[in-house]
Amino acid sequence: VESGGGLVQPGGSLRLSCTASGRTFRDYMMGWFRQT
């Protein structure tokens, strides 16, 4: 589940968060992707 997006002016900052639940794991690669 992601959160933290929004509208920001050039030069500004945002912080995205992604909270995971489900199966137990320790060796996942957690990636961020973007799409237009």
ModelCIF file with pLDDT and N, C-alpha, C, O atoms, coordinates in Angstrom:
data_MODEL
#
_entry.id   MODEL 
#
_entity.id                         1 
_entity.type                       polymer 
_entity.pdbx_number_of_molecules   1 
#
_entity_poly.entity_id                      1 
_entity_poly.type                           'polypeptide(L)' 
_entity_poly.nstd_linkage                   no 
_entity_poly.nstd_monomer                   no 
_entity_poly.pdbx_seq_one_letter_code       VESGGGLVQPGGSLRLSCTASGRTFRDYMMGWFRQT 
_entity_poly.pdbx_seq_one_letter_code_can   VESGGGLVQPGGSLRLSCTASGRTFRDYMMGWFRQT 
_entity_poly.pdbx_strand_id                 A 
#
loop_
_entity_poly_seq.entity_id 
_entity_poly_seq.num 
_entity_poly_seq.mon_id 
_entity_poly_seq.hetero 
1 1  VAL n 
1 2  GLU n 
1 3  SER n 
1 4  GLY n 
1 5  GLY n 
1 6  GLY n 
1 7  LEU n 
1 8  VAL n 
1 9  GLN n 
1 10 PRO n 
1 11 GLY n 
1 12 GLY n 
1 13 SER n 
1 14 LEU n 
1 15 ARG n 
1 16 LEU n 
1 17 SER n 
1 18 CYS n 
1 19 THR n 
1 20 ALA n 
1 21 SER n 
1 22 GLY n 
1 23 ARG n 
1 24 THR n 
1 25 PHE n 
1 26 ARG n 
1 27 ASP n 
1 28 TYR n 
1 29 MET n 
1 30 MET n 
1 31 GLY n 
1 32 TRP n 
1 33 PHE n 
1 34 ARG n 
1 35 GLN n 
1 36 THR n 
#
_struct_asym.id          A 
_struct_asym.entity_id   1 
#
loop_
_ma_qa_metric.id 
_ma_qa_metric.mode 
_ma_qa_metric.name 
_ma_qa_metric.software_group_id 
_ma_qa_metric.type 
1 global pLDDT . pLDDT 
2 local  pLDDT . pLDDT 
#
_ma_qa_metric_global.metric_id      1 
_ma_qa_metric_global.metric_value   91.14 
_ma_qa_metric_global.model_id       1 
_ma_qa_metric_global.ordinal_id     1 
#
loop_
_ma_qa_metric_local.label_asym_id 
_ma_qa_metric_local.label_comp_id 
_ma_qa_metric_local.label_seq_id 
_ma_qa_metric_local.metric_id 
_ma_qa_metric_local.metric_value 
_ma_qa_metric_local.model_id 
_ma_qa_metric_local.ordinal_id 
A VAL 1  2 95.00 1 1  
A GLU 2  2 95.00 1 2  
A SER 3  2 96.00 1 3  
A GLY 4  2 97.00 1 4  
A GLY 5  2 98.00 1 5  
A GLY 6  2 98.00 1 6  
A LEU 7  2 98.00 1 7  
A VAL 8  2 98.00 1 8  
A GLN 9  2 98.00 1 9  
A PRO 10 2 98.00 1 10 
A GLY 11 2 98.00 1 11 
A GLY 12 2 98.00 1 12 
A SER 13 2 98.00 1 13 
A LEU 14 2 98.00 1 14 
A ARG 15 2 98.00 1 15 
A LEU 16 2 98.00 1 16 
A SER 17 2 98.00 1 17 
A CYS 18 2 96.00 1 18 
A THR 19 2 94.00 1 19 
A ALA 20 2 91.00 1 20 
A SER 21 2 90.00 1 21 
A GLY 22 2 80.00 1 22 
A ARG 23 2 68.00 1 23 
A THR 24 2 56.00 1 24 
A PHE 25 2 60.00 1 25 
A ARG 26 2 65.00 1 26 
A ASP 27 2 74.00 1 27 
A TYR 28 2 83.00 1 28 
A MET 29 2 91.00 1 29 
A MET 30 2 94.00 1 30 
A GLY 31 2 96.00 1 31 
A TRP 32 2 98.00 1 32 
A PHE 33 2 98.00 1 33 
A ARG 34 2 98.00 1 34 
A GLN 35 2 97.00 1 35 
A THR 36 2 95.00 1 36 
#
loop_
_atom_site.group_PDB 
_atom_site.id 
_atom_site.type_symbol 
_atom_site.label_atom_id 
_atom_site.label_alt_id 
_atom_site.label_comp_id 
_atom_site.label_asym_id 
_atom_site.label_entity_id 
_atom_site.label_seq_id 
_atom_site.pdbx_PDB_ins_code 
_atom_site.Cartn_x 
_atom_site.Cartn_y 
_atom_site.Cartn_z 
_atom_site.occupancy 
_atom_site.B_iso_or_equiv 
_atom_site.pdbx_formal_charge 
_atom_site.auth_seq_id 
_atom_site.auth_comp_id 
_atom_site.auth_asym_id 
_atom_site.auth_atom_id 
_atom_site.pdbx_PDB_model_num 
ATOM 1   N N  . VAL A 1 1  ? 0.847  -1.180  0.000   1.00 95.00 ? 1  VAL A N  1 
ATOM 2   C CA . VAL A 1 1  ? 0.000  0.000   0.000   1.00 95.00 ? 1  VAL A CA 1 
ATOM 3   C C  . VAL A 1 1  ? 0.884  1.232   0.000   1.00 95.00 ? 1  VAL A C  1 
ATOM 4   O O  . VAL A 1 1  ? 1.720  1.405   0.887   1.00 95.00 ? 1  VAL A O  1 
ATOM 5   N N  . GLU A 1 2  ? 0.700  2.094   -0.999  1.00 95.00 ? 2  GLU A N  1 
ATOM 6   C CA . GLU A 1 2  ? 1.512  3.287   -1.151  1.00 95.00 ? 2  GLU A CA 1 
ATOM 7   C C  . GLU A 1 2  ? 0.781  4.519   -0.647  1.00 95.00 ? 2  GLU A C  1 
ATOM 8   O O  . GLU A 1 2  ? -0.447 4.553   -0.568  1.00 95.00 ? 2  GLU A O  1 
ATOM 9   N N  . SER A 1 3  ? 1.566  5.524   -0.311  1.00 96.00 ? 3  SER A N  1 
ATOM 10  C CA . SER A 1 3  ? 1.031  6.819   0.058   1.00 96.00 ? 3  SER A CA 1 
ATOM 11  C C  . SER A 1 3  ? 2.116  7.870   -0.140  1.00 96.00 ? 3  SER A C  1 
ATOM 12  O O  . SER A 1 3  ? 3.288  7.535   -0.315  1.00 96.00 ? 3  SER A O  1 
ATOM 13  N N  . GLY A 1 4  ? 1.727  9.128   -0.112  1.00 97.00 ? 4  GLY A N  1 
ATOM 14  C CA . GLY A 1 4  ? 2.681  10.217  -0.131  1.00 97.00 ? 4  GLY A CA 1 
ATOM 15  C C  . GLY A 1 4  ? 2.750  11.033  -1.402  1.00 97.00 ? 4  GLY A C  1 
ATOM 16  O O  . GLY A 1 4  ? 3.454  12.042  -1.446  1.00 97.00 ? 4  GLY A O  1 
ATOM 17  N N  . GLY A 1 5  ? 2.039  10.624  -2.432  1.00 98.00 ? 5  GLY A N  1 
ATOM 18  C CA . GLY A 1 5  ? 2.047  11.394  -3.661  1.00 98.00 ? 5  GLY A CA 1 
ATOM 19  C C  . GLY A 1 5  ? 1.301  12.702  -3.510  1.00 98.00 ? 5  GLY A C  1 
ATOM 20  O O  . GLY A 1 5  ? 0.628  12.941  -2.507  1.00 98.00 ? 5  GLY A O  1 
ATOM 21  N N  . GLY A 1 6  ? 1.431  13.543  -4.520  1.00 98.00 ? 6  GLY A N  1 
ATOM 22  C CA . GLY A 1 6  ? 0.747  14.820  -4.487  1.00 98.00 ? 6  GLY A CA 1 
ATOM 23  C C  . GLY A 1 6  ? 1.273  15.766  -5.526  1.00 98.00 ? 6  GLY A C  1 
ATOM 24  O O  . GLY A 1 6  ? 2.012  15.375  -6.430  1.00 98.00 ? 6  GLY A O  1 
ATOM 25  N N  . LEU A 1 7  ? 0.888  17.016  -5.392  1.00 98.00 ? 7  LEU A N  1 
ATOM 26  C CA . LEU A 1 7  ? 1.303  18.077  -6.291  1.00 98.00 ? 7  LEU A CA 1 
ATOM 27  C C  . LEU A 1 7  ? 2.377  18.919  -5.622  1.00 98.00 ? 7  LEU A C  1 
ATOM 28  O O  . LEU A 1 7  ? 2.216  19.356  -4.482  1.00 98.00 ? 7  LEU A O  1 
ATOM 29  N N  . VAL A 1 8  ? 3.466  19.143  -6.332  1.00 98.00 ? 8  VAL A N  1 
ATOM 30  C CA . VAL A 1 8  ? 4.569  19.915  -5.788  1.00 98.00 ? 8  VAL A CA 1 
ATOM 31  C C  . VAL A 1 8  ? 5.175  20.764  -6.893  1.00 98.00 ? 8  VAL A C  1 
ATOM 32  O O  . VAL A 1 8  ? 5.164  20.370  -8.059  1.00 98.00 ? 8  VAL A O  1 
ATOM 33  N N  . GLN A 1 9  ? 5.700  21.920  -6.535  1.00 98.00 ? 9  GLN A N  1 
ATOM 34  C CA . GLN A 1 9  ? 6.359  22.779  -7.506  1.00 98.00 ? 9  GLN A CA 1 
ATOM 35  C C  . GLN A 1 9  ? 7.752  22.270  -7.832  1.00 98.00 ? 9  GLN A C  1 
ATOM 36  O O  . GLN A 1 9  ? 8.355  21.572  -7.017  1.00 98.00 ? 9  GLN A O  1 
ATOM 37  N N  . PRO A 1 10 ? 8.276  22.603  -9.003  1.00 98.00 ? 10 PRO A N  1 
ATOM 38  C CA . PRO A 1 10 ? 9.650  22.213  -9.320  1.00 98.00 ? 10 PRO A CA 1 
ATOM 39  C C  . PRO A 1 10 ? 10.618 22.652  -8.231  1.00 98.00 ? 10 PRO A C  1 
ATOM 40  O O  . PRO A 1 10 ? 10.535 23.766  -7.713  1.00 98.00 ? 10 PRO A O  1 
ATOM 41  N N  . GLY A 1 11 ? 11.531 21.756  -7.899  1.00 98.00 ? 11 GLY A N  1 
ATOM 42  C CA . GLY A 1 11 ? 12.472 22.010  -6.828  1.00 98.00 ? 11 GLY A CA 1 
ATOM 43  C C  . GLY A 1 11 ? 11.997 21.564  -5.464  1.00 98.00 ? 11 GLY A C  1 
ATOM 44  O O  . GLY A 1 11 ? 12.769 21.566  -4.505  1.00 98.00 ? 11 GLY A O  1 
ATOM 45  N N  . GLY A 1 12 ? 10.748 21.185  -5.366  1.00 98.00 ? 12 GLY A N  1 
ATOM 46  C CA . GLY A 1 12 ? 10.193 20.755  -4.103  1.00 98.00 ? 12 GLY A CA 1 
ATOM 47  C C  . GLY A 1 12 ? 10.496 19.303  -3.792  1.00 98.00 ? 12 GLY A C  1 
ATOM 48  O O  . GLY A 1 12 ? 11.234 18.634  -4.515  1.00 98.00 ? 12 GLY A O  1 
ATOM 49  N N  . SER A 1 13 ? 9.912  18.832  -2.707  1.00 98.00 ? 13 SER A N  1 
ATOM 50  C CA . SER A 1 13 ? 10.189 17.491  -2.220  1.00 98.00 ? 13 SER A CA 1 
ATOM 51  C C  . SER A 1 13 ? 8.906  16.772  -1.837  1.00 98.00 ? 13 SER A C  1 
ATOM 52  O O  . SER A 1 13 ? 7.918  17.393  -1.444  1.00 98.00 ? 13 SER A O  1 
ATOM 53  N N  . LEU A 1 14 ? 8.941  15.471  -1.958  1.00 98.00 ? 14 LEU A N  1 
ATOM 54  C CA . LEU A 1 14 ? 7.891  14.586  -1.487  1.00 98.00 ? 14 LEU A CA 1 
ATOM 55  C C  . LEU A 1 14 ? 8.548  13.328  -0.952  1.00 98.00 ? 14 LEU A C  1 
ATOM 56  O O  . LEU A 1 14 ? 9.666  12.988  -1.339  1.00 98.00 ? 14 LEU A O  1 
ATOM 57  N N  . ARG A 1 15 ? 7.860  12.646  -0.072  1.00 98.00 ? 15 ARG A N  1 
ATOM 58  C CA . ARG A 1 15 ? 8.322  11.359  0.405   1.00 98.00 ? 15 ARG A CA 1 
ATOM 59  C C  . ARG A 1 15 ? 7.219  10.330  0.231   1.00 98.00 ? 15 ARG A C  1 
ATOM 60  O O  . ARG A 1 15 ? 6.129  10.471  0.786   1.00 98.00 ? 15 ARG A O  1 
ATOM 61  N N  . LEU A 1 16 ? 7.510  9.304   -0.537  1.00 98.00 ? 16 LEU A N  1 
ATOM 62  C CA . LEU A 1 16 ? 6.581  8.217   -0.733  1.00 98.00 ? 16 LEU A CA 1 
ATOM 63  C C  . LEU A 1 16 ? 6.839  7.113   0.287   1.00 98.00 ? 16 LEU A C  1 
ATOM 64  O O  . LEU A 1 16 ? 7.976  6.874   0.694   1.00 98.00 ? 16 LEU A O  1 
ATOM 65  N N  . SER A 1 17 ? 5.777  6.457   0.683   1.00 98.00 ? 17 SER A N  1 
ATOM 66  C CA . SER A 1 17 ? 5.873  5.337   1.600   1.00 98.00 ? 17 SER A CA 1 
ATOM 67  C C  . SER A 1 17 ? 5.148  4.141   1.015   1.00 98.00 ? 17 SER A C  1 
ATOM 68  O O  . SER A 1 17 ? 4.164  4.289   0.291   1.00 98.00 ? 17 SER A O  1 
ATOM 69  N N  . CYS A 1 18 ? 5.637  2.970   1.331   1.00 96.00 ? 18 CYS A N  1 
ATOM 70  C CA . CYS A 1 18 ? 5.025  1.731   0.877   1.00 96.00 ? 18 CYS A CA 1 
ATOM 71  C C  . CYS A 1 18 ? 5.076  0.737   2.018   1.00 96.00 ? 18 CYS A C  1 
ATOM 72  O O  . CYS A 1 18 ? 6.154  0.316   2.437   1.00 96.00 ? 18 CYS A O  1 
ATOM 73  N N  . THR A 1 19 ? 3.916  0.365   2.519   1.00 94.00 ? 19 THR A N  1 
ATOM 74  C CA . THR A 1 19 ? 3.828  -0.556  3.633   1.00 94.00 ? 19 THR A CA 1 
ATOM 75  C C  . THR A 1 19 ? 3.435  -1.940  3.136   1.00 94.00 ? 19 THR A C  1 
ATOM 76  O O  . THR A 1 19 ? 2.499  -2.088  2.352   1.00 94.00 ? 19 THR A O  1 
ATOM 77  N N  . ALA A 1 20 ? 4.152  -2.936  3.596   1.00 91.00 ? 20 ALA A N  1 
ATOM 78  C CA . ALA A 1 20 ? 3.965  -4.305  3.133   1.00 91.00 ? 20 ALA A CA 1 
ATOM 79  C C  . ALA A 1 20 ? 3.288  -5.156  4.196   1.00 91.00 ? 20 ALA A C  1 
ATOM 80  O O  . ALA A 1 20 ? 3.490  -4.962  5.394   1.00 91.00 ? 20 ALA A O  1 
ATOM 81  N N  . SER A 1 21 ? 2.489  -6.090  3.737   1.00 90.00 ? 21 SER A N  1 
ATOM 82  C CA . SER A 1 21 ? 1.883  -7.081  4.613   1.00 90.00 ? 21 SER A CA 1 
ATOM 83  C C  . SER A 1 21 ? 1.768  -8.389  3.854   1.00 90.00 ? 21 SER A C  1 
ATOM 84  O O  . SER A 1 21 ? 1.921  -8.419  2.633   1.00 90.00 ? 21 SER A O  1 
ATOM 85  N N  . GLY A 1 22 ? 1.498  -9.470  4.572   1.00 80.00 ? 22 GLY A N  1 
ATOM 86  C CA . GLY A 1 22 ? 1.363  -10.764 3.937   1.00 80.00 ? 22 GLY A CA 1 
ATOM 87  C C  . GLY A 1 22 ? 2.418  -11.745 4.417   1.00 80.00 ? 22 GLY A C  1 
ATOM 88  O O  . GLY A 1 22 ? 2.745  -11.794 5.603   1.00 80.00 ? 22 GLY A O  1 
ATOM 89  N N  . ARG A 1 23 ? 2.941  -12.516 3.495   1.00 68.00 ? 23 ARG A N  1 
ATOM 90  C CA . ARG A 1 23 ? 3.880  -13.563 3.840   1.00 68.00 ? 23 ARG A CA 1 
ATOM 91  C C  . ARG A 1 23 ? 5.151  -13.019 4.464   1.00 68.00 ? 23 ARG A C  1 
ATOM 92  O O  . ARG A 1 23 ? 5.584  -11.905 4.172   1.00 68.00 ? 23 ARG A O  1 
ATOM 93  N N  . THR A 1 24 ? 5.729  -13.822 5.320   1.00 56.00 ? 24 THR A N  1 
ATOM 94  C CA . THR A 1 24 ? 6.988  -13.462 5.941   1.00 56.00 ? 24 THR A CA 1 
ATOM 95  C C  . THR A 1 24 ? 8.123  -13.590 4.937   1.00 56.00 ? 24 THR A C  1 
ATOM 96  O O  . THR A 1 24 ? 8.200  -14.568 4.194   1.00 56.00 ? 24 THR A O  1 
ATOM 97  N N  . PHE A 1 25 ? 8.987  -12.611 4.919   1.00 60.00 ? 25 PHE A N  1 
ATOM 98  C CA . PHE A 1 25 ? 10.122 -12.628 4.009   1.00 60.00 ? 25 PHE A CA 1 
ATOM 99  C C  . PHE A 1 25 ? 11.233 -11.757 4.560   1.00 60.00 ? 25 PHE A C  1 
ATOM 100 O O  . PHE A 1 25 ? 11.010 -10.907 5.422   1.00 60.00 ? 25 PHE A O  1 
ATOM 101 N N  . ARG A 1 26 ? 12.428 -11.982 4.049   1.00 65.00 ? 26 ARG A N  1 
ATOM 102 C CA . ARG A 1 26 ? 13.564 -11.164 4.451   1.00 65.00 ? 26 ARG A CA 1 
ATOM 103 C C  . ARG A 1 26 ? 14.505 -10.851 3.302   1.00 65.00 ? 26 ARG A C  1 
ATOM 104 O O  . ARG A 1 26 ? 15.386 -10.003 3.444   1.00 65.00 ? 26 ARG A O  1 
ATOM 105 N N  . ASP A 1 27 ? 14.339 -11.512 2.174   1.00 74.00 ? 27 ASP A N  1 
ATOM 106 C CA . ASP A 1 27 ? 15.271 -11.361 1.068   1.00 74.00 ? 27 ASP A CA 1 
ATOM 107 C C  . ASP A 1 27 ? 14.636 -10.782 -0.187  1.00 74.00 ? 27 ASP A C  1 
ATOM 108 O O  . ASP A 1 27 ? 15.157 -10.969 -1.287  1.00 74.00 ? 27 ASP A O  1 
ATOM 109 N N  . TYR A 1 28 ? 13.527 -10.086 -0.038  1.00 83.00 ? 28 TYR A N  1 
ATOM 110 C CA . TYR A 1 28 ? 12.904 -9.420  -1.169  1.00 83.00 ? 28 TYR A CA 1 
ATOM 111 C C  . TYR A 1 28 ? 13.730 -8.232  -1.618  1.00 83.00 ? 28 TYR A C  1 
ATOM 112 O O  . TYR A 1 28 ? 14.401 -7.581  -0.816  1.00 83.00 ? 28 TYR A O  1 
ATOM 113 N N  . MET A 1 29 ? 13.672 -7.960  -2.907  1.00 91.00 ? 29 MET A N  1 
ATOM 114 C CA . MET A 1 29 ? 14.105 -6.684  -3.429  1.00 91.00 ? 29 MET A CA 1 
ATOM 115 C C  . MET A 1 29 ? 12.879 -5.793  -3.533  1.00 91.00 ? 29 MET A C  1 
ATOM 116 O O  . MET A 1 29 ? 11.890 -6.154  -4.171  1.00 91.00 ? 29 MET A O  1 
ATOM 117 N N  . MET A 1 30 ? 12.949 -4.636  -2.908  1.00 94.00 ? 30 MET A N  1 
ATOM 118 C CA . MET A 1 30 ? 11.858 -3.679  -2.945  1.00 94.00 ? 30 MET A CA 1 
ATOM 119 C C  . MET A 1 30 ? 12.196 -2.596  -3.953  1.00 94.00 ? 30 MET A C  1 
ATOM 120 O O  . MET A 1 30 ? 13.184 -1.878  -3.802  1.00 94.00 ? 30 MET A O  1 
ATOM 121 N N  . GLY A 1 31 ? 11.368 -2.484  -4.979  1.00 96.00 ? 31 GLY A N  1 
ATOM 122 C CA . GLY A 1 31 ? 11.645 -1.568  -6.058  1.00 96.00 ? 31 GLY A CA 1 
ATOM 123 C C  . GLY A 1 31 ? 10.629 -0.451  -6.164  1.00 96.00 ? 31 GLY A C  1 
ATOM 124 O O  . GLY A 1 31 ? 9.484  -0.577  -5.727  1.00 96.00 ? 31 GLY A O  1 
ATOM 125 N N  . TRP A 1 32 ? 11.075 0.644   -6.754  1.00 98.00 ? 32 TRP A N  1 
ATOM 126 C CA . TRP A 1 32 ? 10.207 1.756   -7.113  1.00 98.00 ? 32 TRP A CA 1 
ATOM 127 C C  . TRP A 1 32 ? 10.259 1.942   -8.618  1.00 98.00 ? 32 TRP A C  1 
ATOM 128 O O  . TRP A 1 32 ? 11.333 1.985   -9.217  1.00 98.00 ? 32 TRP A O  1 
ATOM 129 N N  . PHE A 1 33 ? 9.081  2.051   -9.221  1.00 98.00 ? 33 PHE A N  1 
ATOM 130 C CA . PHE A 1 33 ? 8.950  2.282   -10.642 1.00 98.00 ? 33 PHE A CA 1 
ATOM 131 C C  . PHE A 1 33 ? 7.997  3.443   -10.867 1.00 98.00 ? 33 PHE A C  1 
ATOM 132 O O  . PHE A 1 33 ? 7.205  3.791   -9.991  1.00 98.00 ? 33 PHE A O  1 
ATOM 133 N N  . ARG A 1 34 ? 8.080  4.033   -12.041 1.00 98.00 ? 34 ARG A N  1 
ATOM 134 C CA . ARG A 1 34 ? 7.141  5.089   -12.385 1.00 98.00 ? 34 ARG A CA 1 
ATOM 135 C C  . ARG A 1 34 ? 6.678  4.920   -13.822 1.00 98.00 ? 34 ARG A C  1 
ATOM 136 O O  . ARG A 1 34 ? 7.379  4.357   -14.663 1.00 98.00 ? 34 ARG A O  1 
ATOM 137 N N  . GLN A 1 35 ? 5.481  5.422   -14.077 1.00 97.00 ? 35 GLN A N  1 
ATOM 138 C CA . GLN A 1 35 ? 4.867  5.220   -15.376 1.00 97.00 ? 35 GLN A CA 1 
ATOM 139 C C  . GLN A 1 35 ? 4.061  6.447   -15.766 1.00 97.00 ? 35 GLN A C  1 
ATOM 140 O O  . GLN A 1 35 ? 3.331  7.014   -14.953 1.00 97.00 ? 35 GLN A O  1 
ATOM 141 N N  . THR A 1 36 ? 4.205  6.845   -17.016 1.00 95.00 ? 36 THR A N  1 
ATOM 142 C CA . THR A 1 36 ? 3.405  7.908   -17.605 1.00 95.00 ? 36 THR A CA 1 
ATOM 143 C C  . THR A 1 36 ? 2.537  7.302   -18.695 1.00 95.00 ? 36 THR A C  1 
ATOM 144 O O  . THR A 1 36 ? 1.768  8.015   -19.340 1.00 95.00 ? 36 THR A O  1 
#
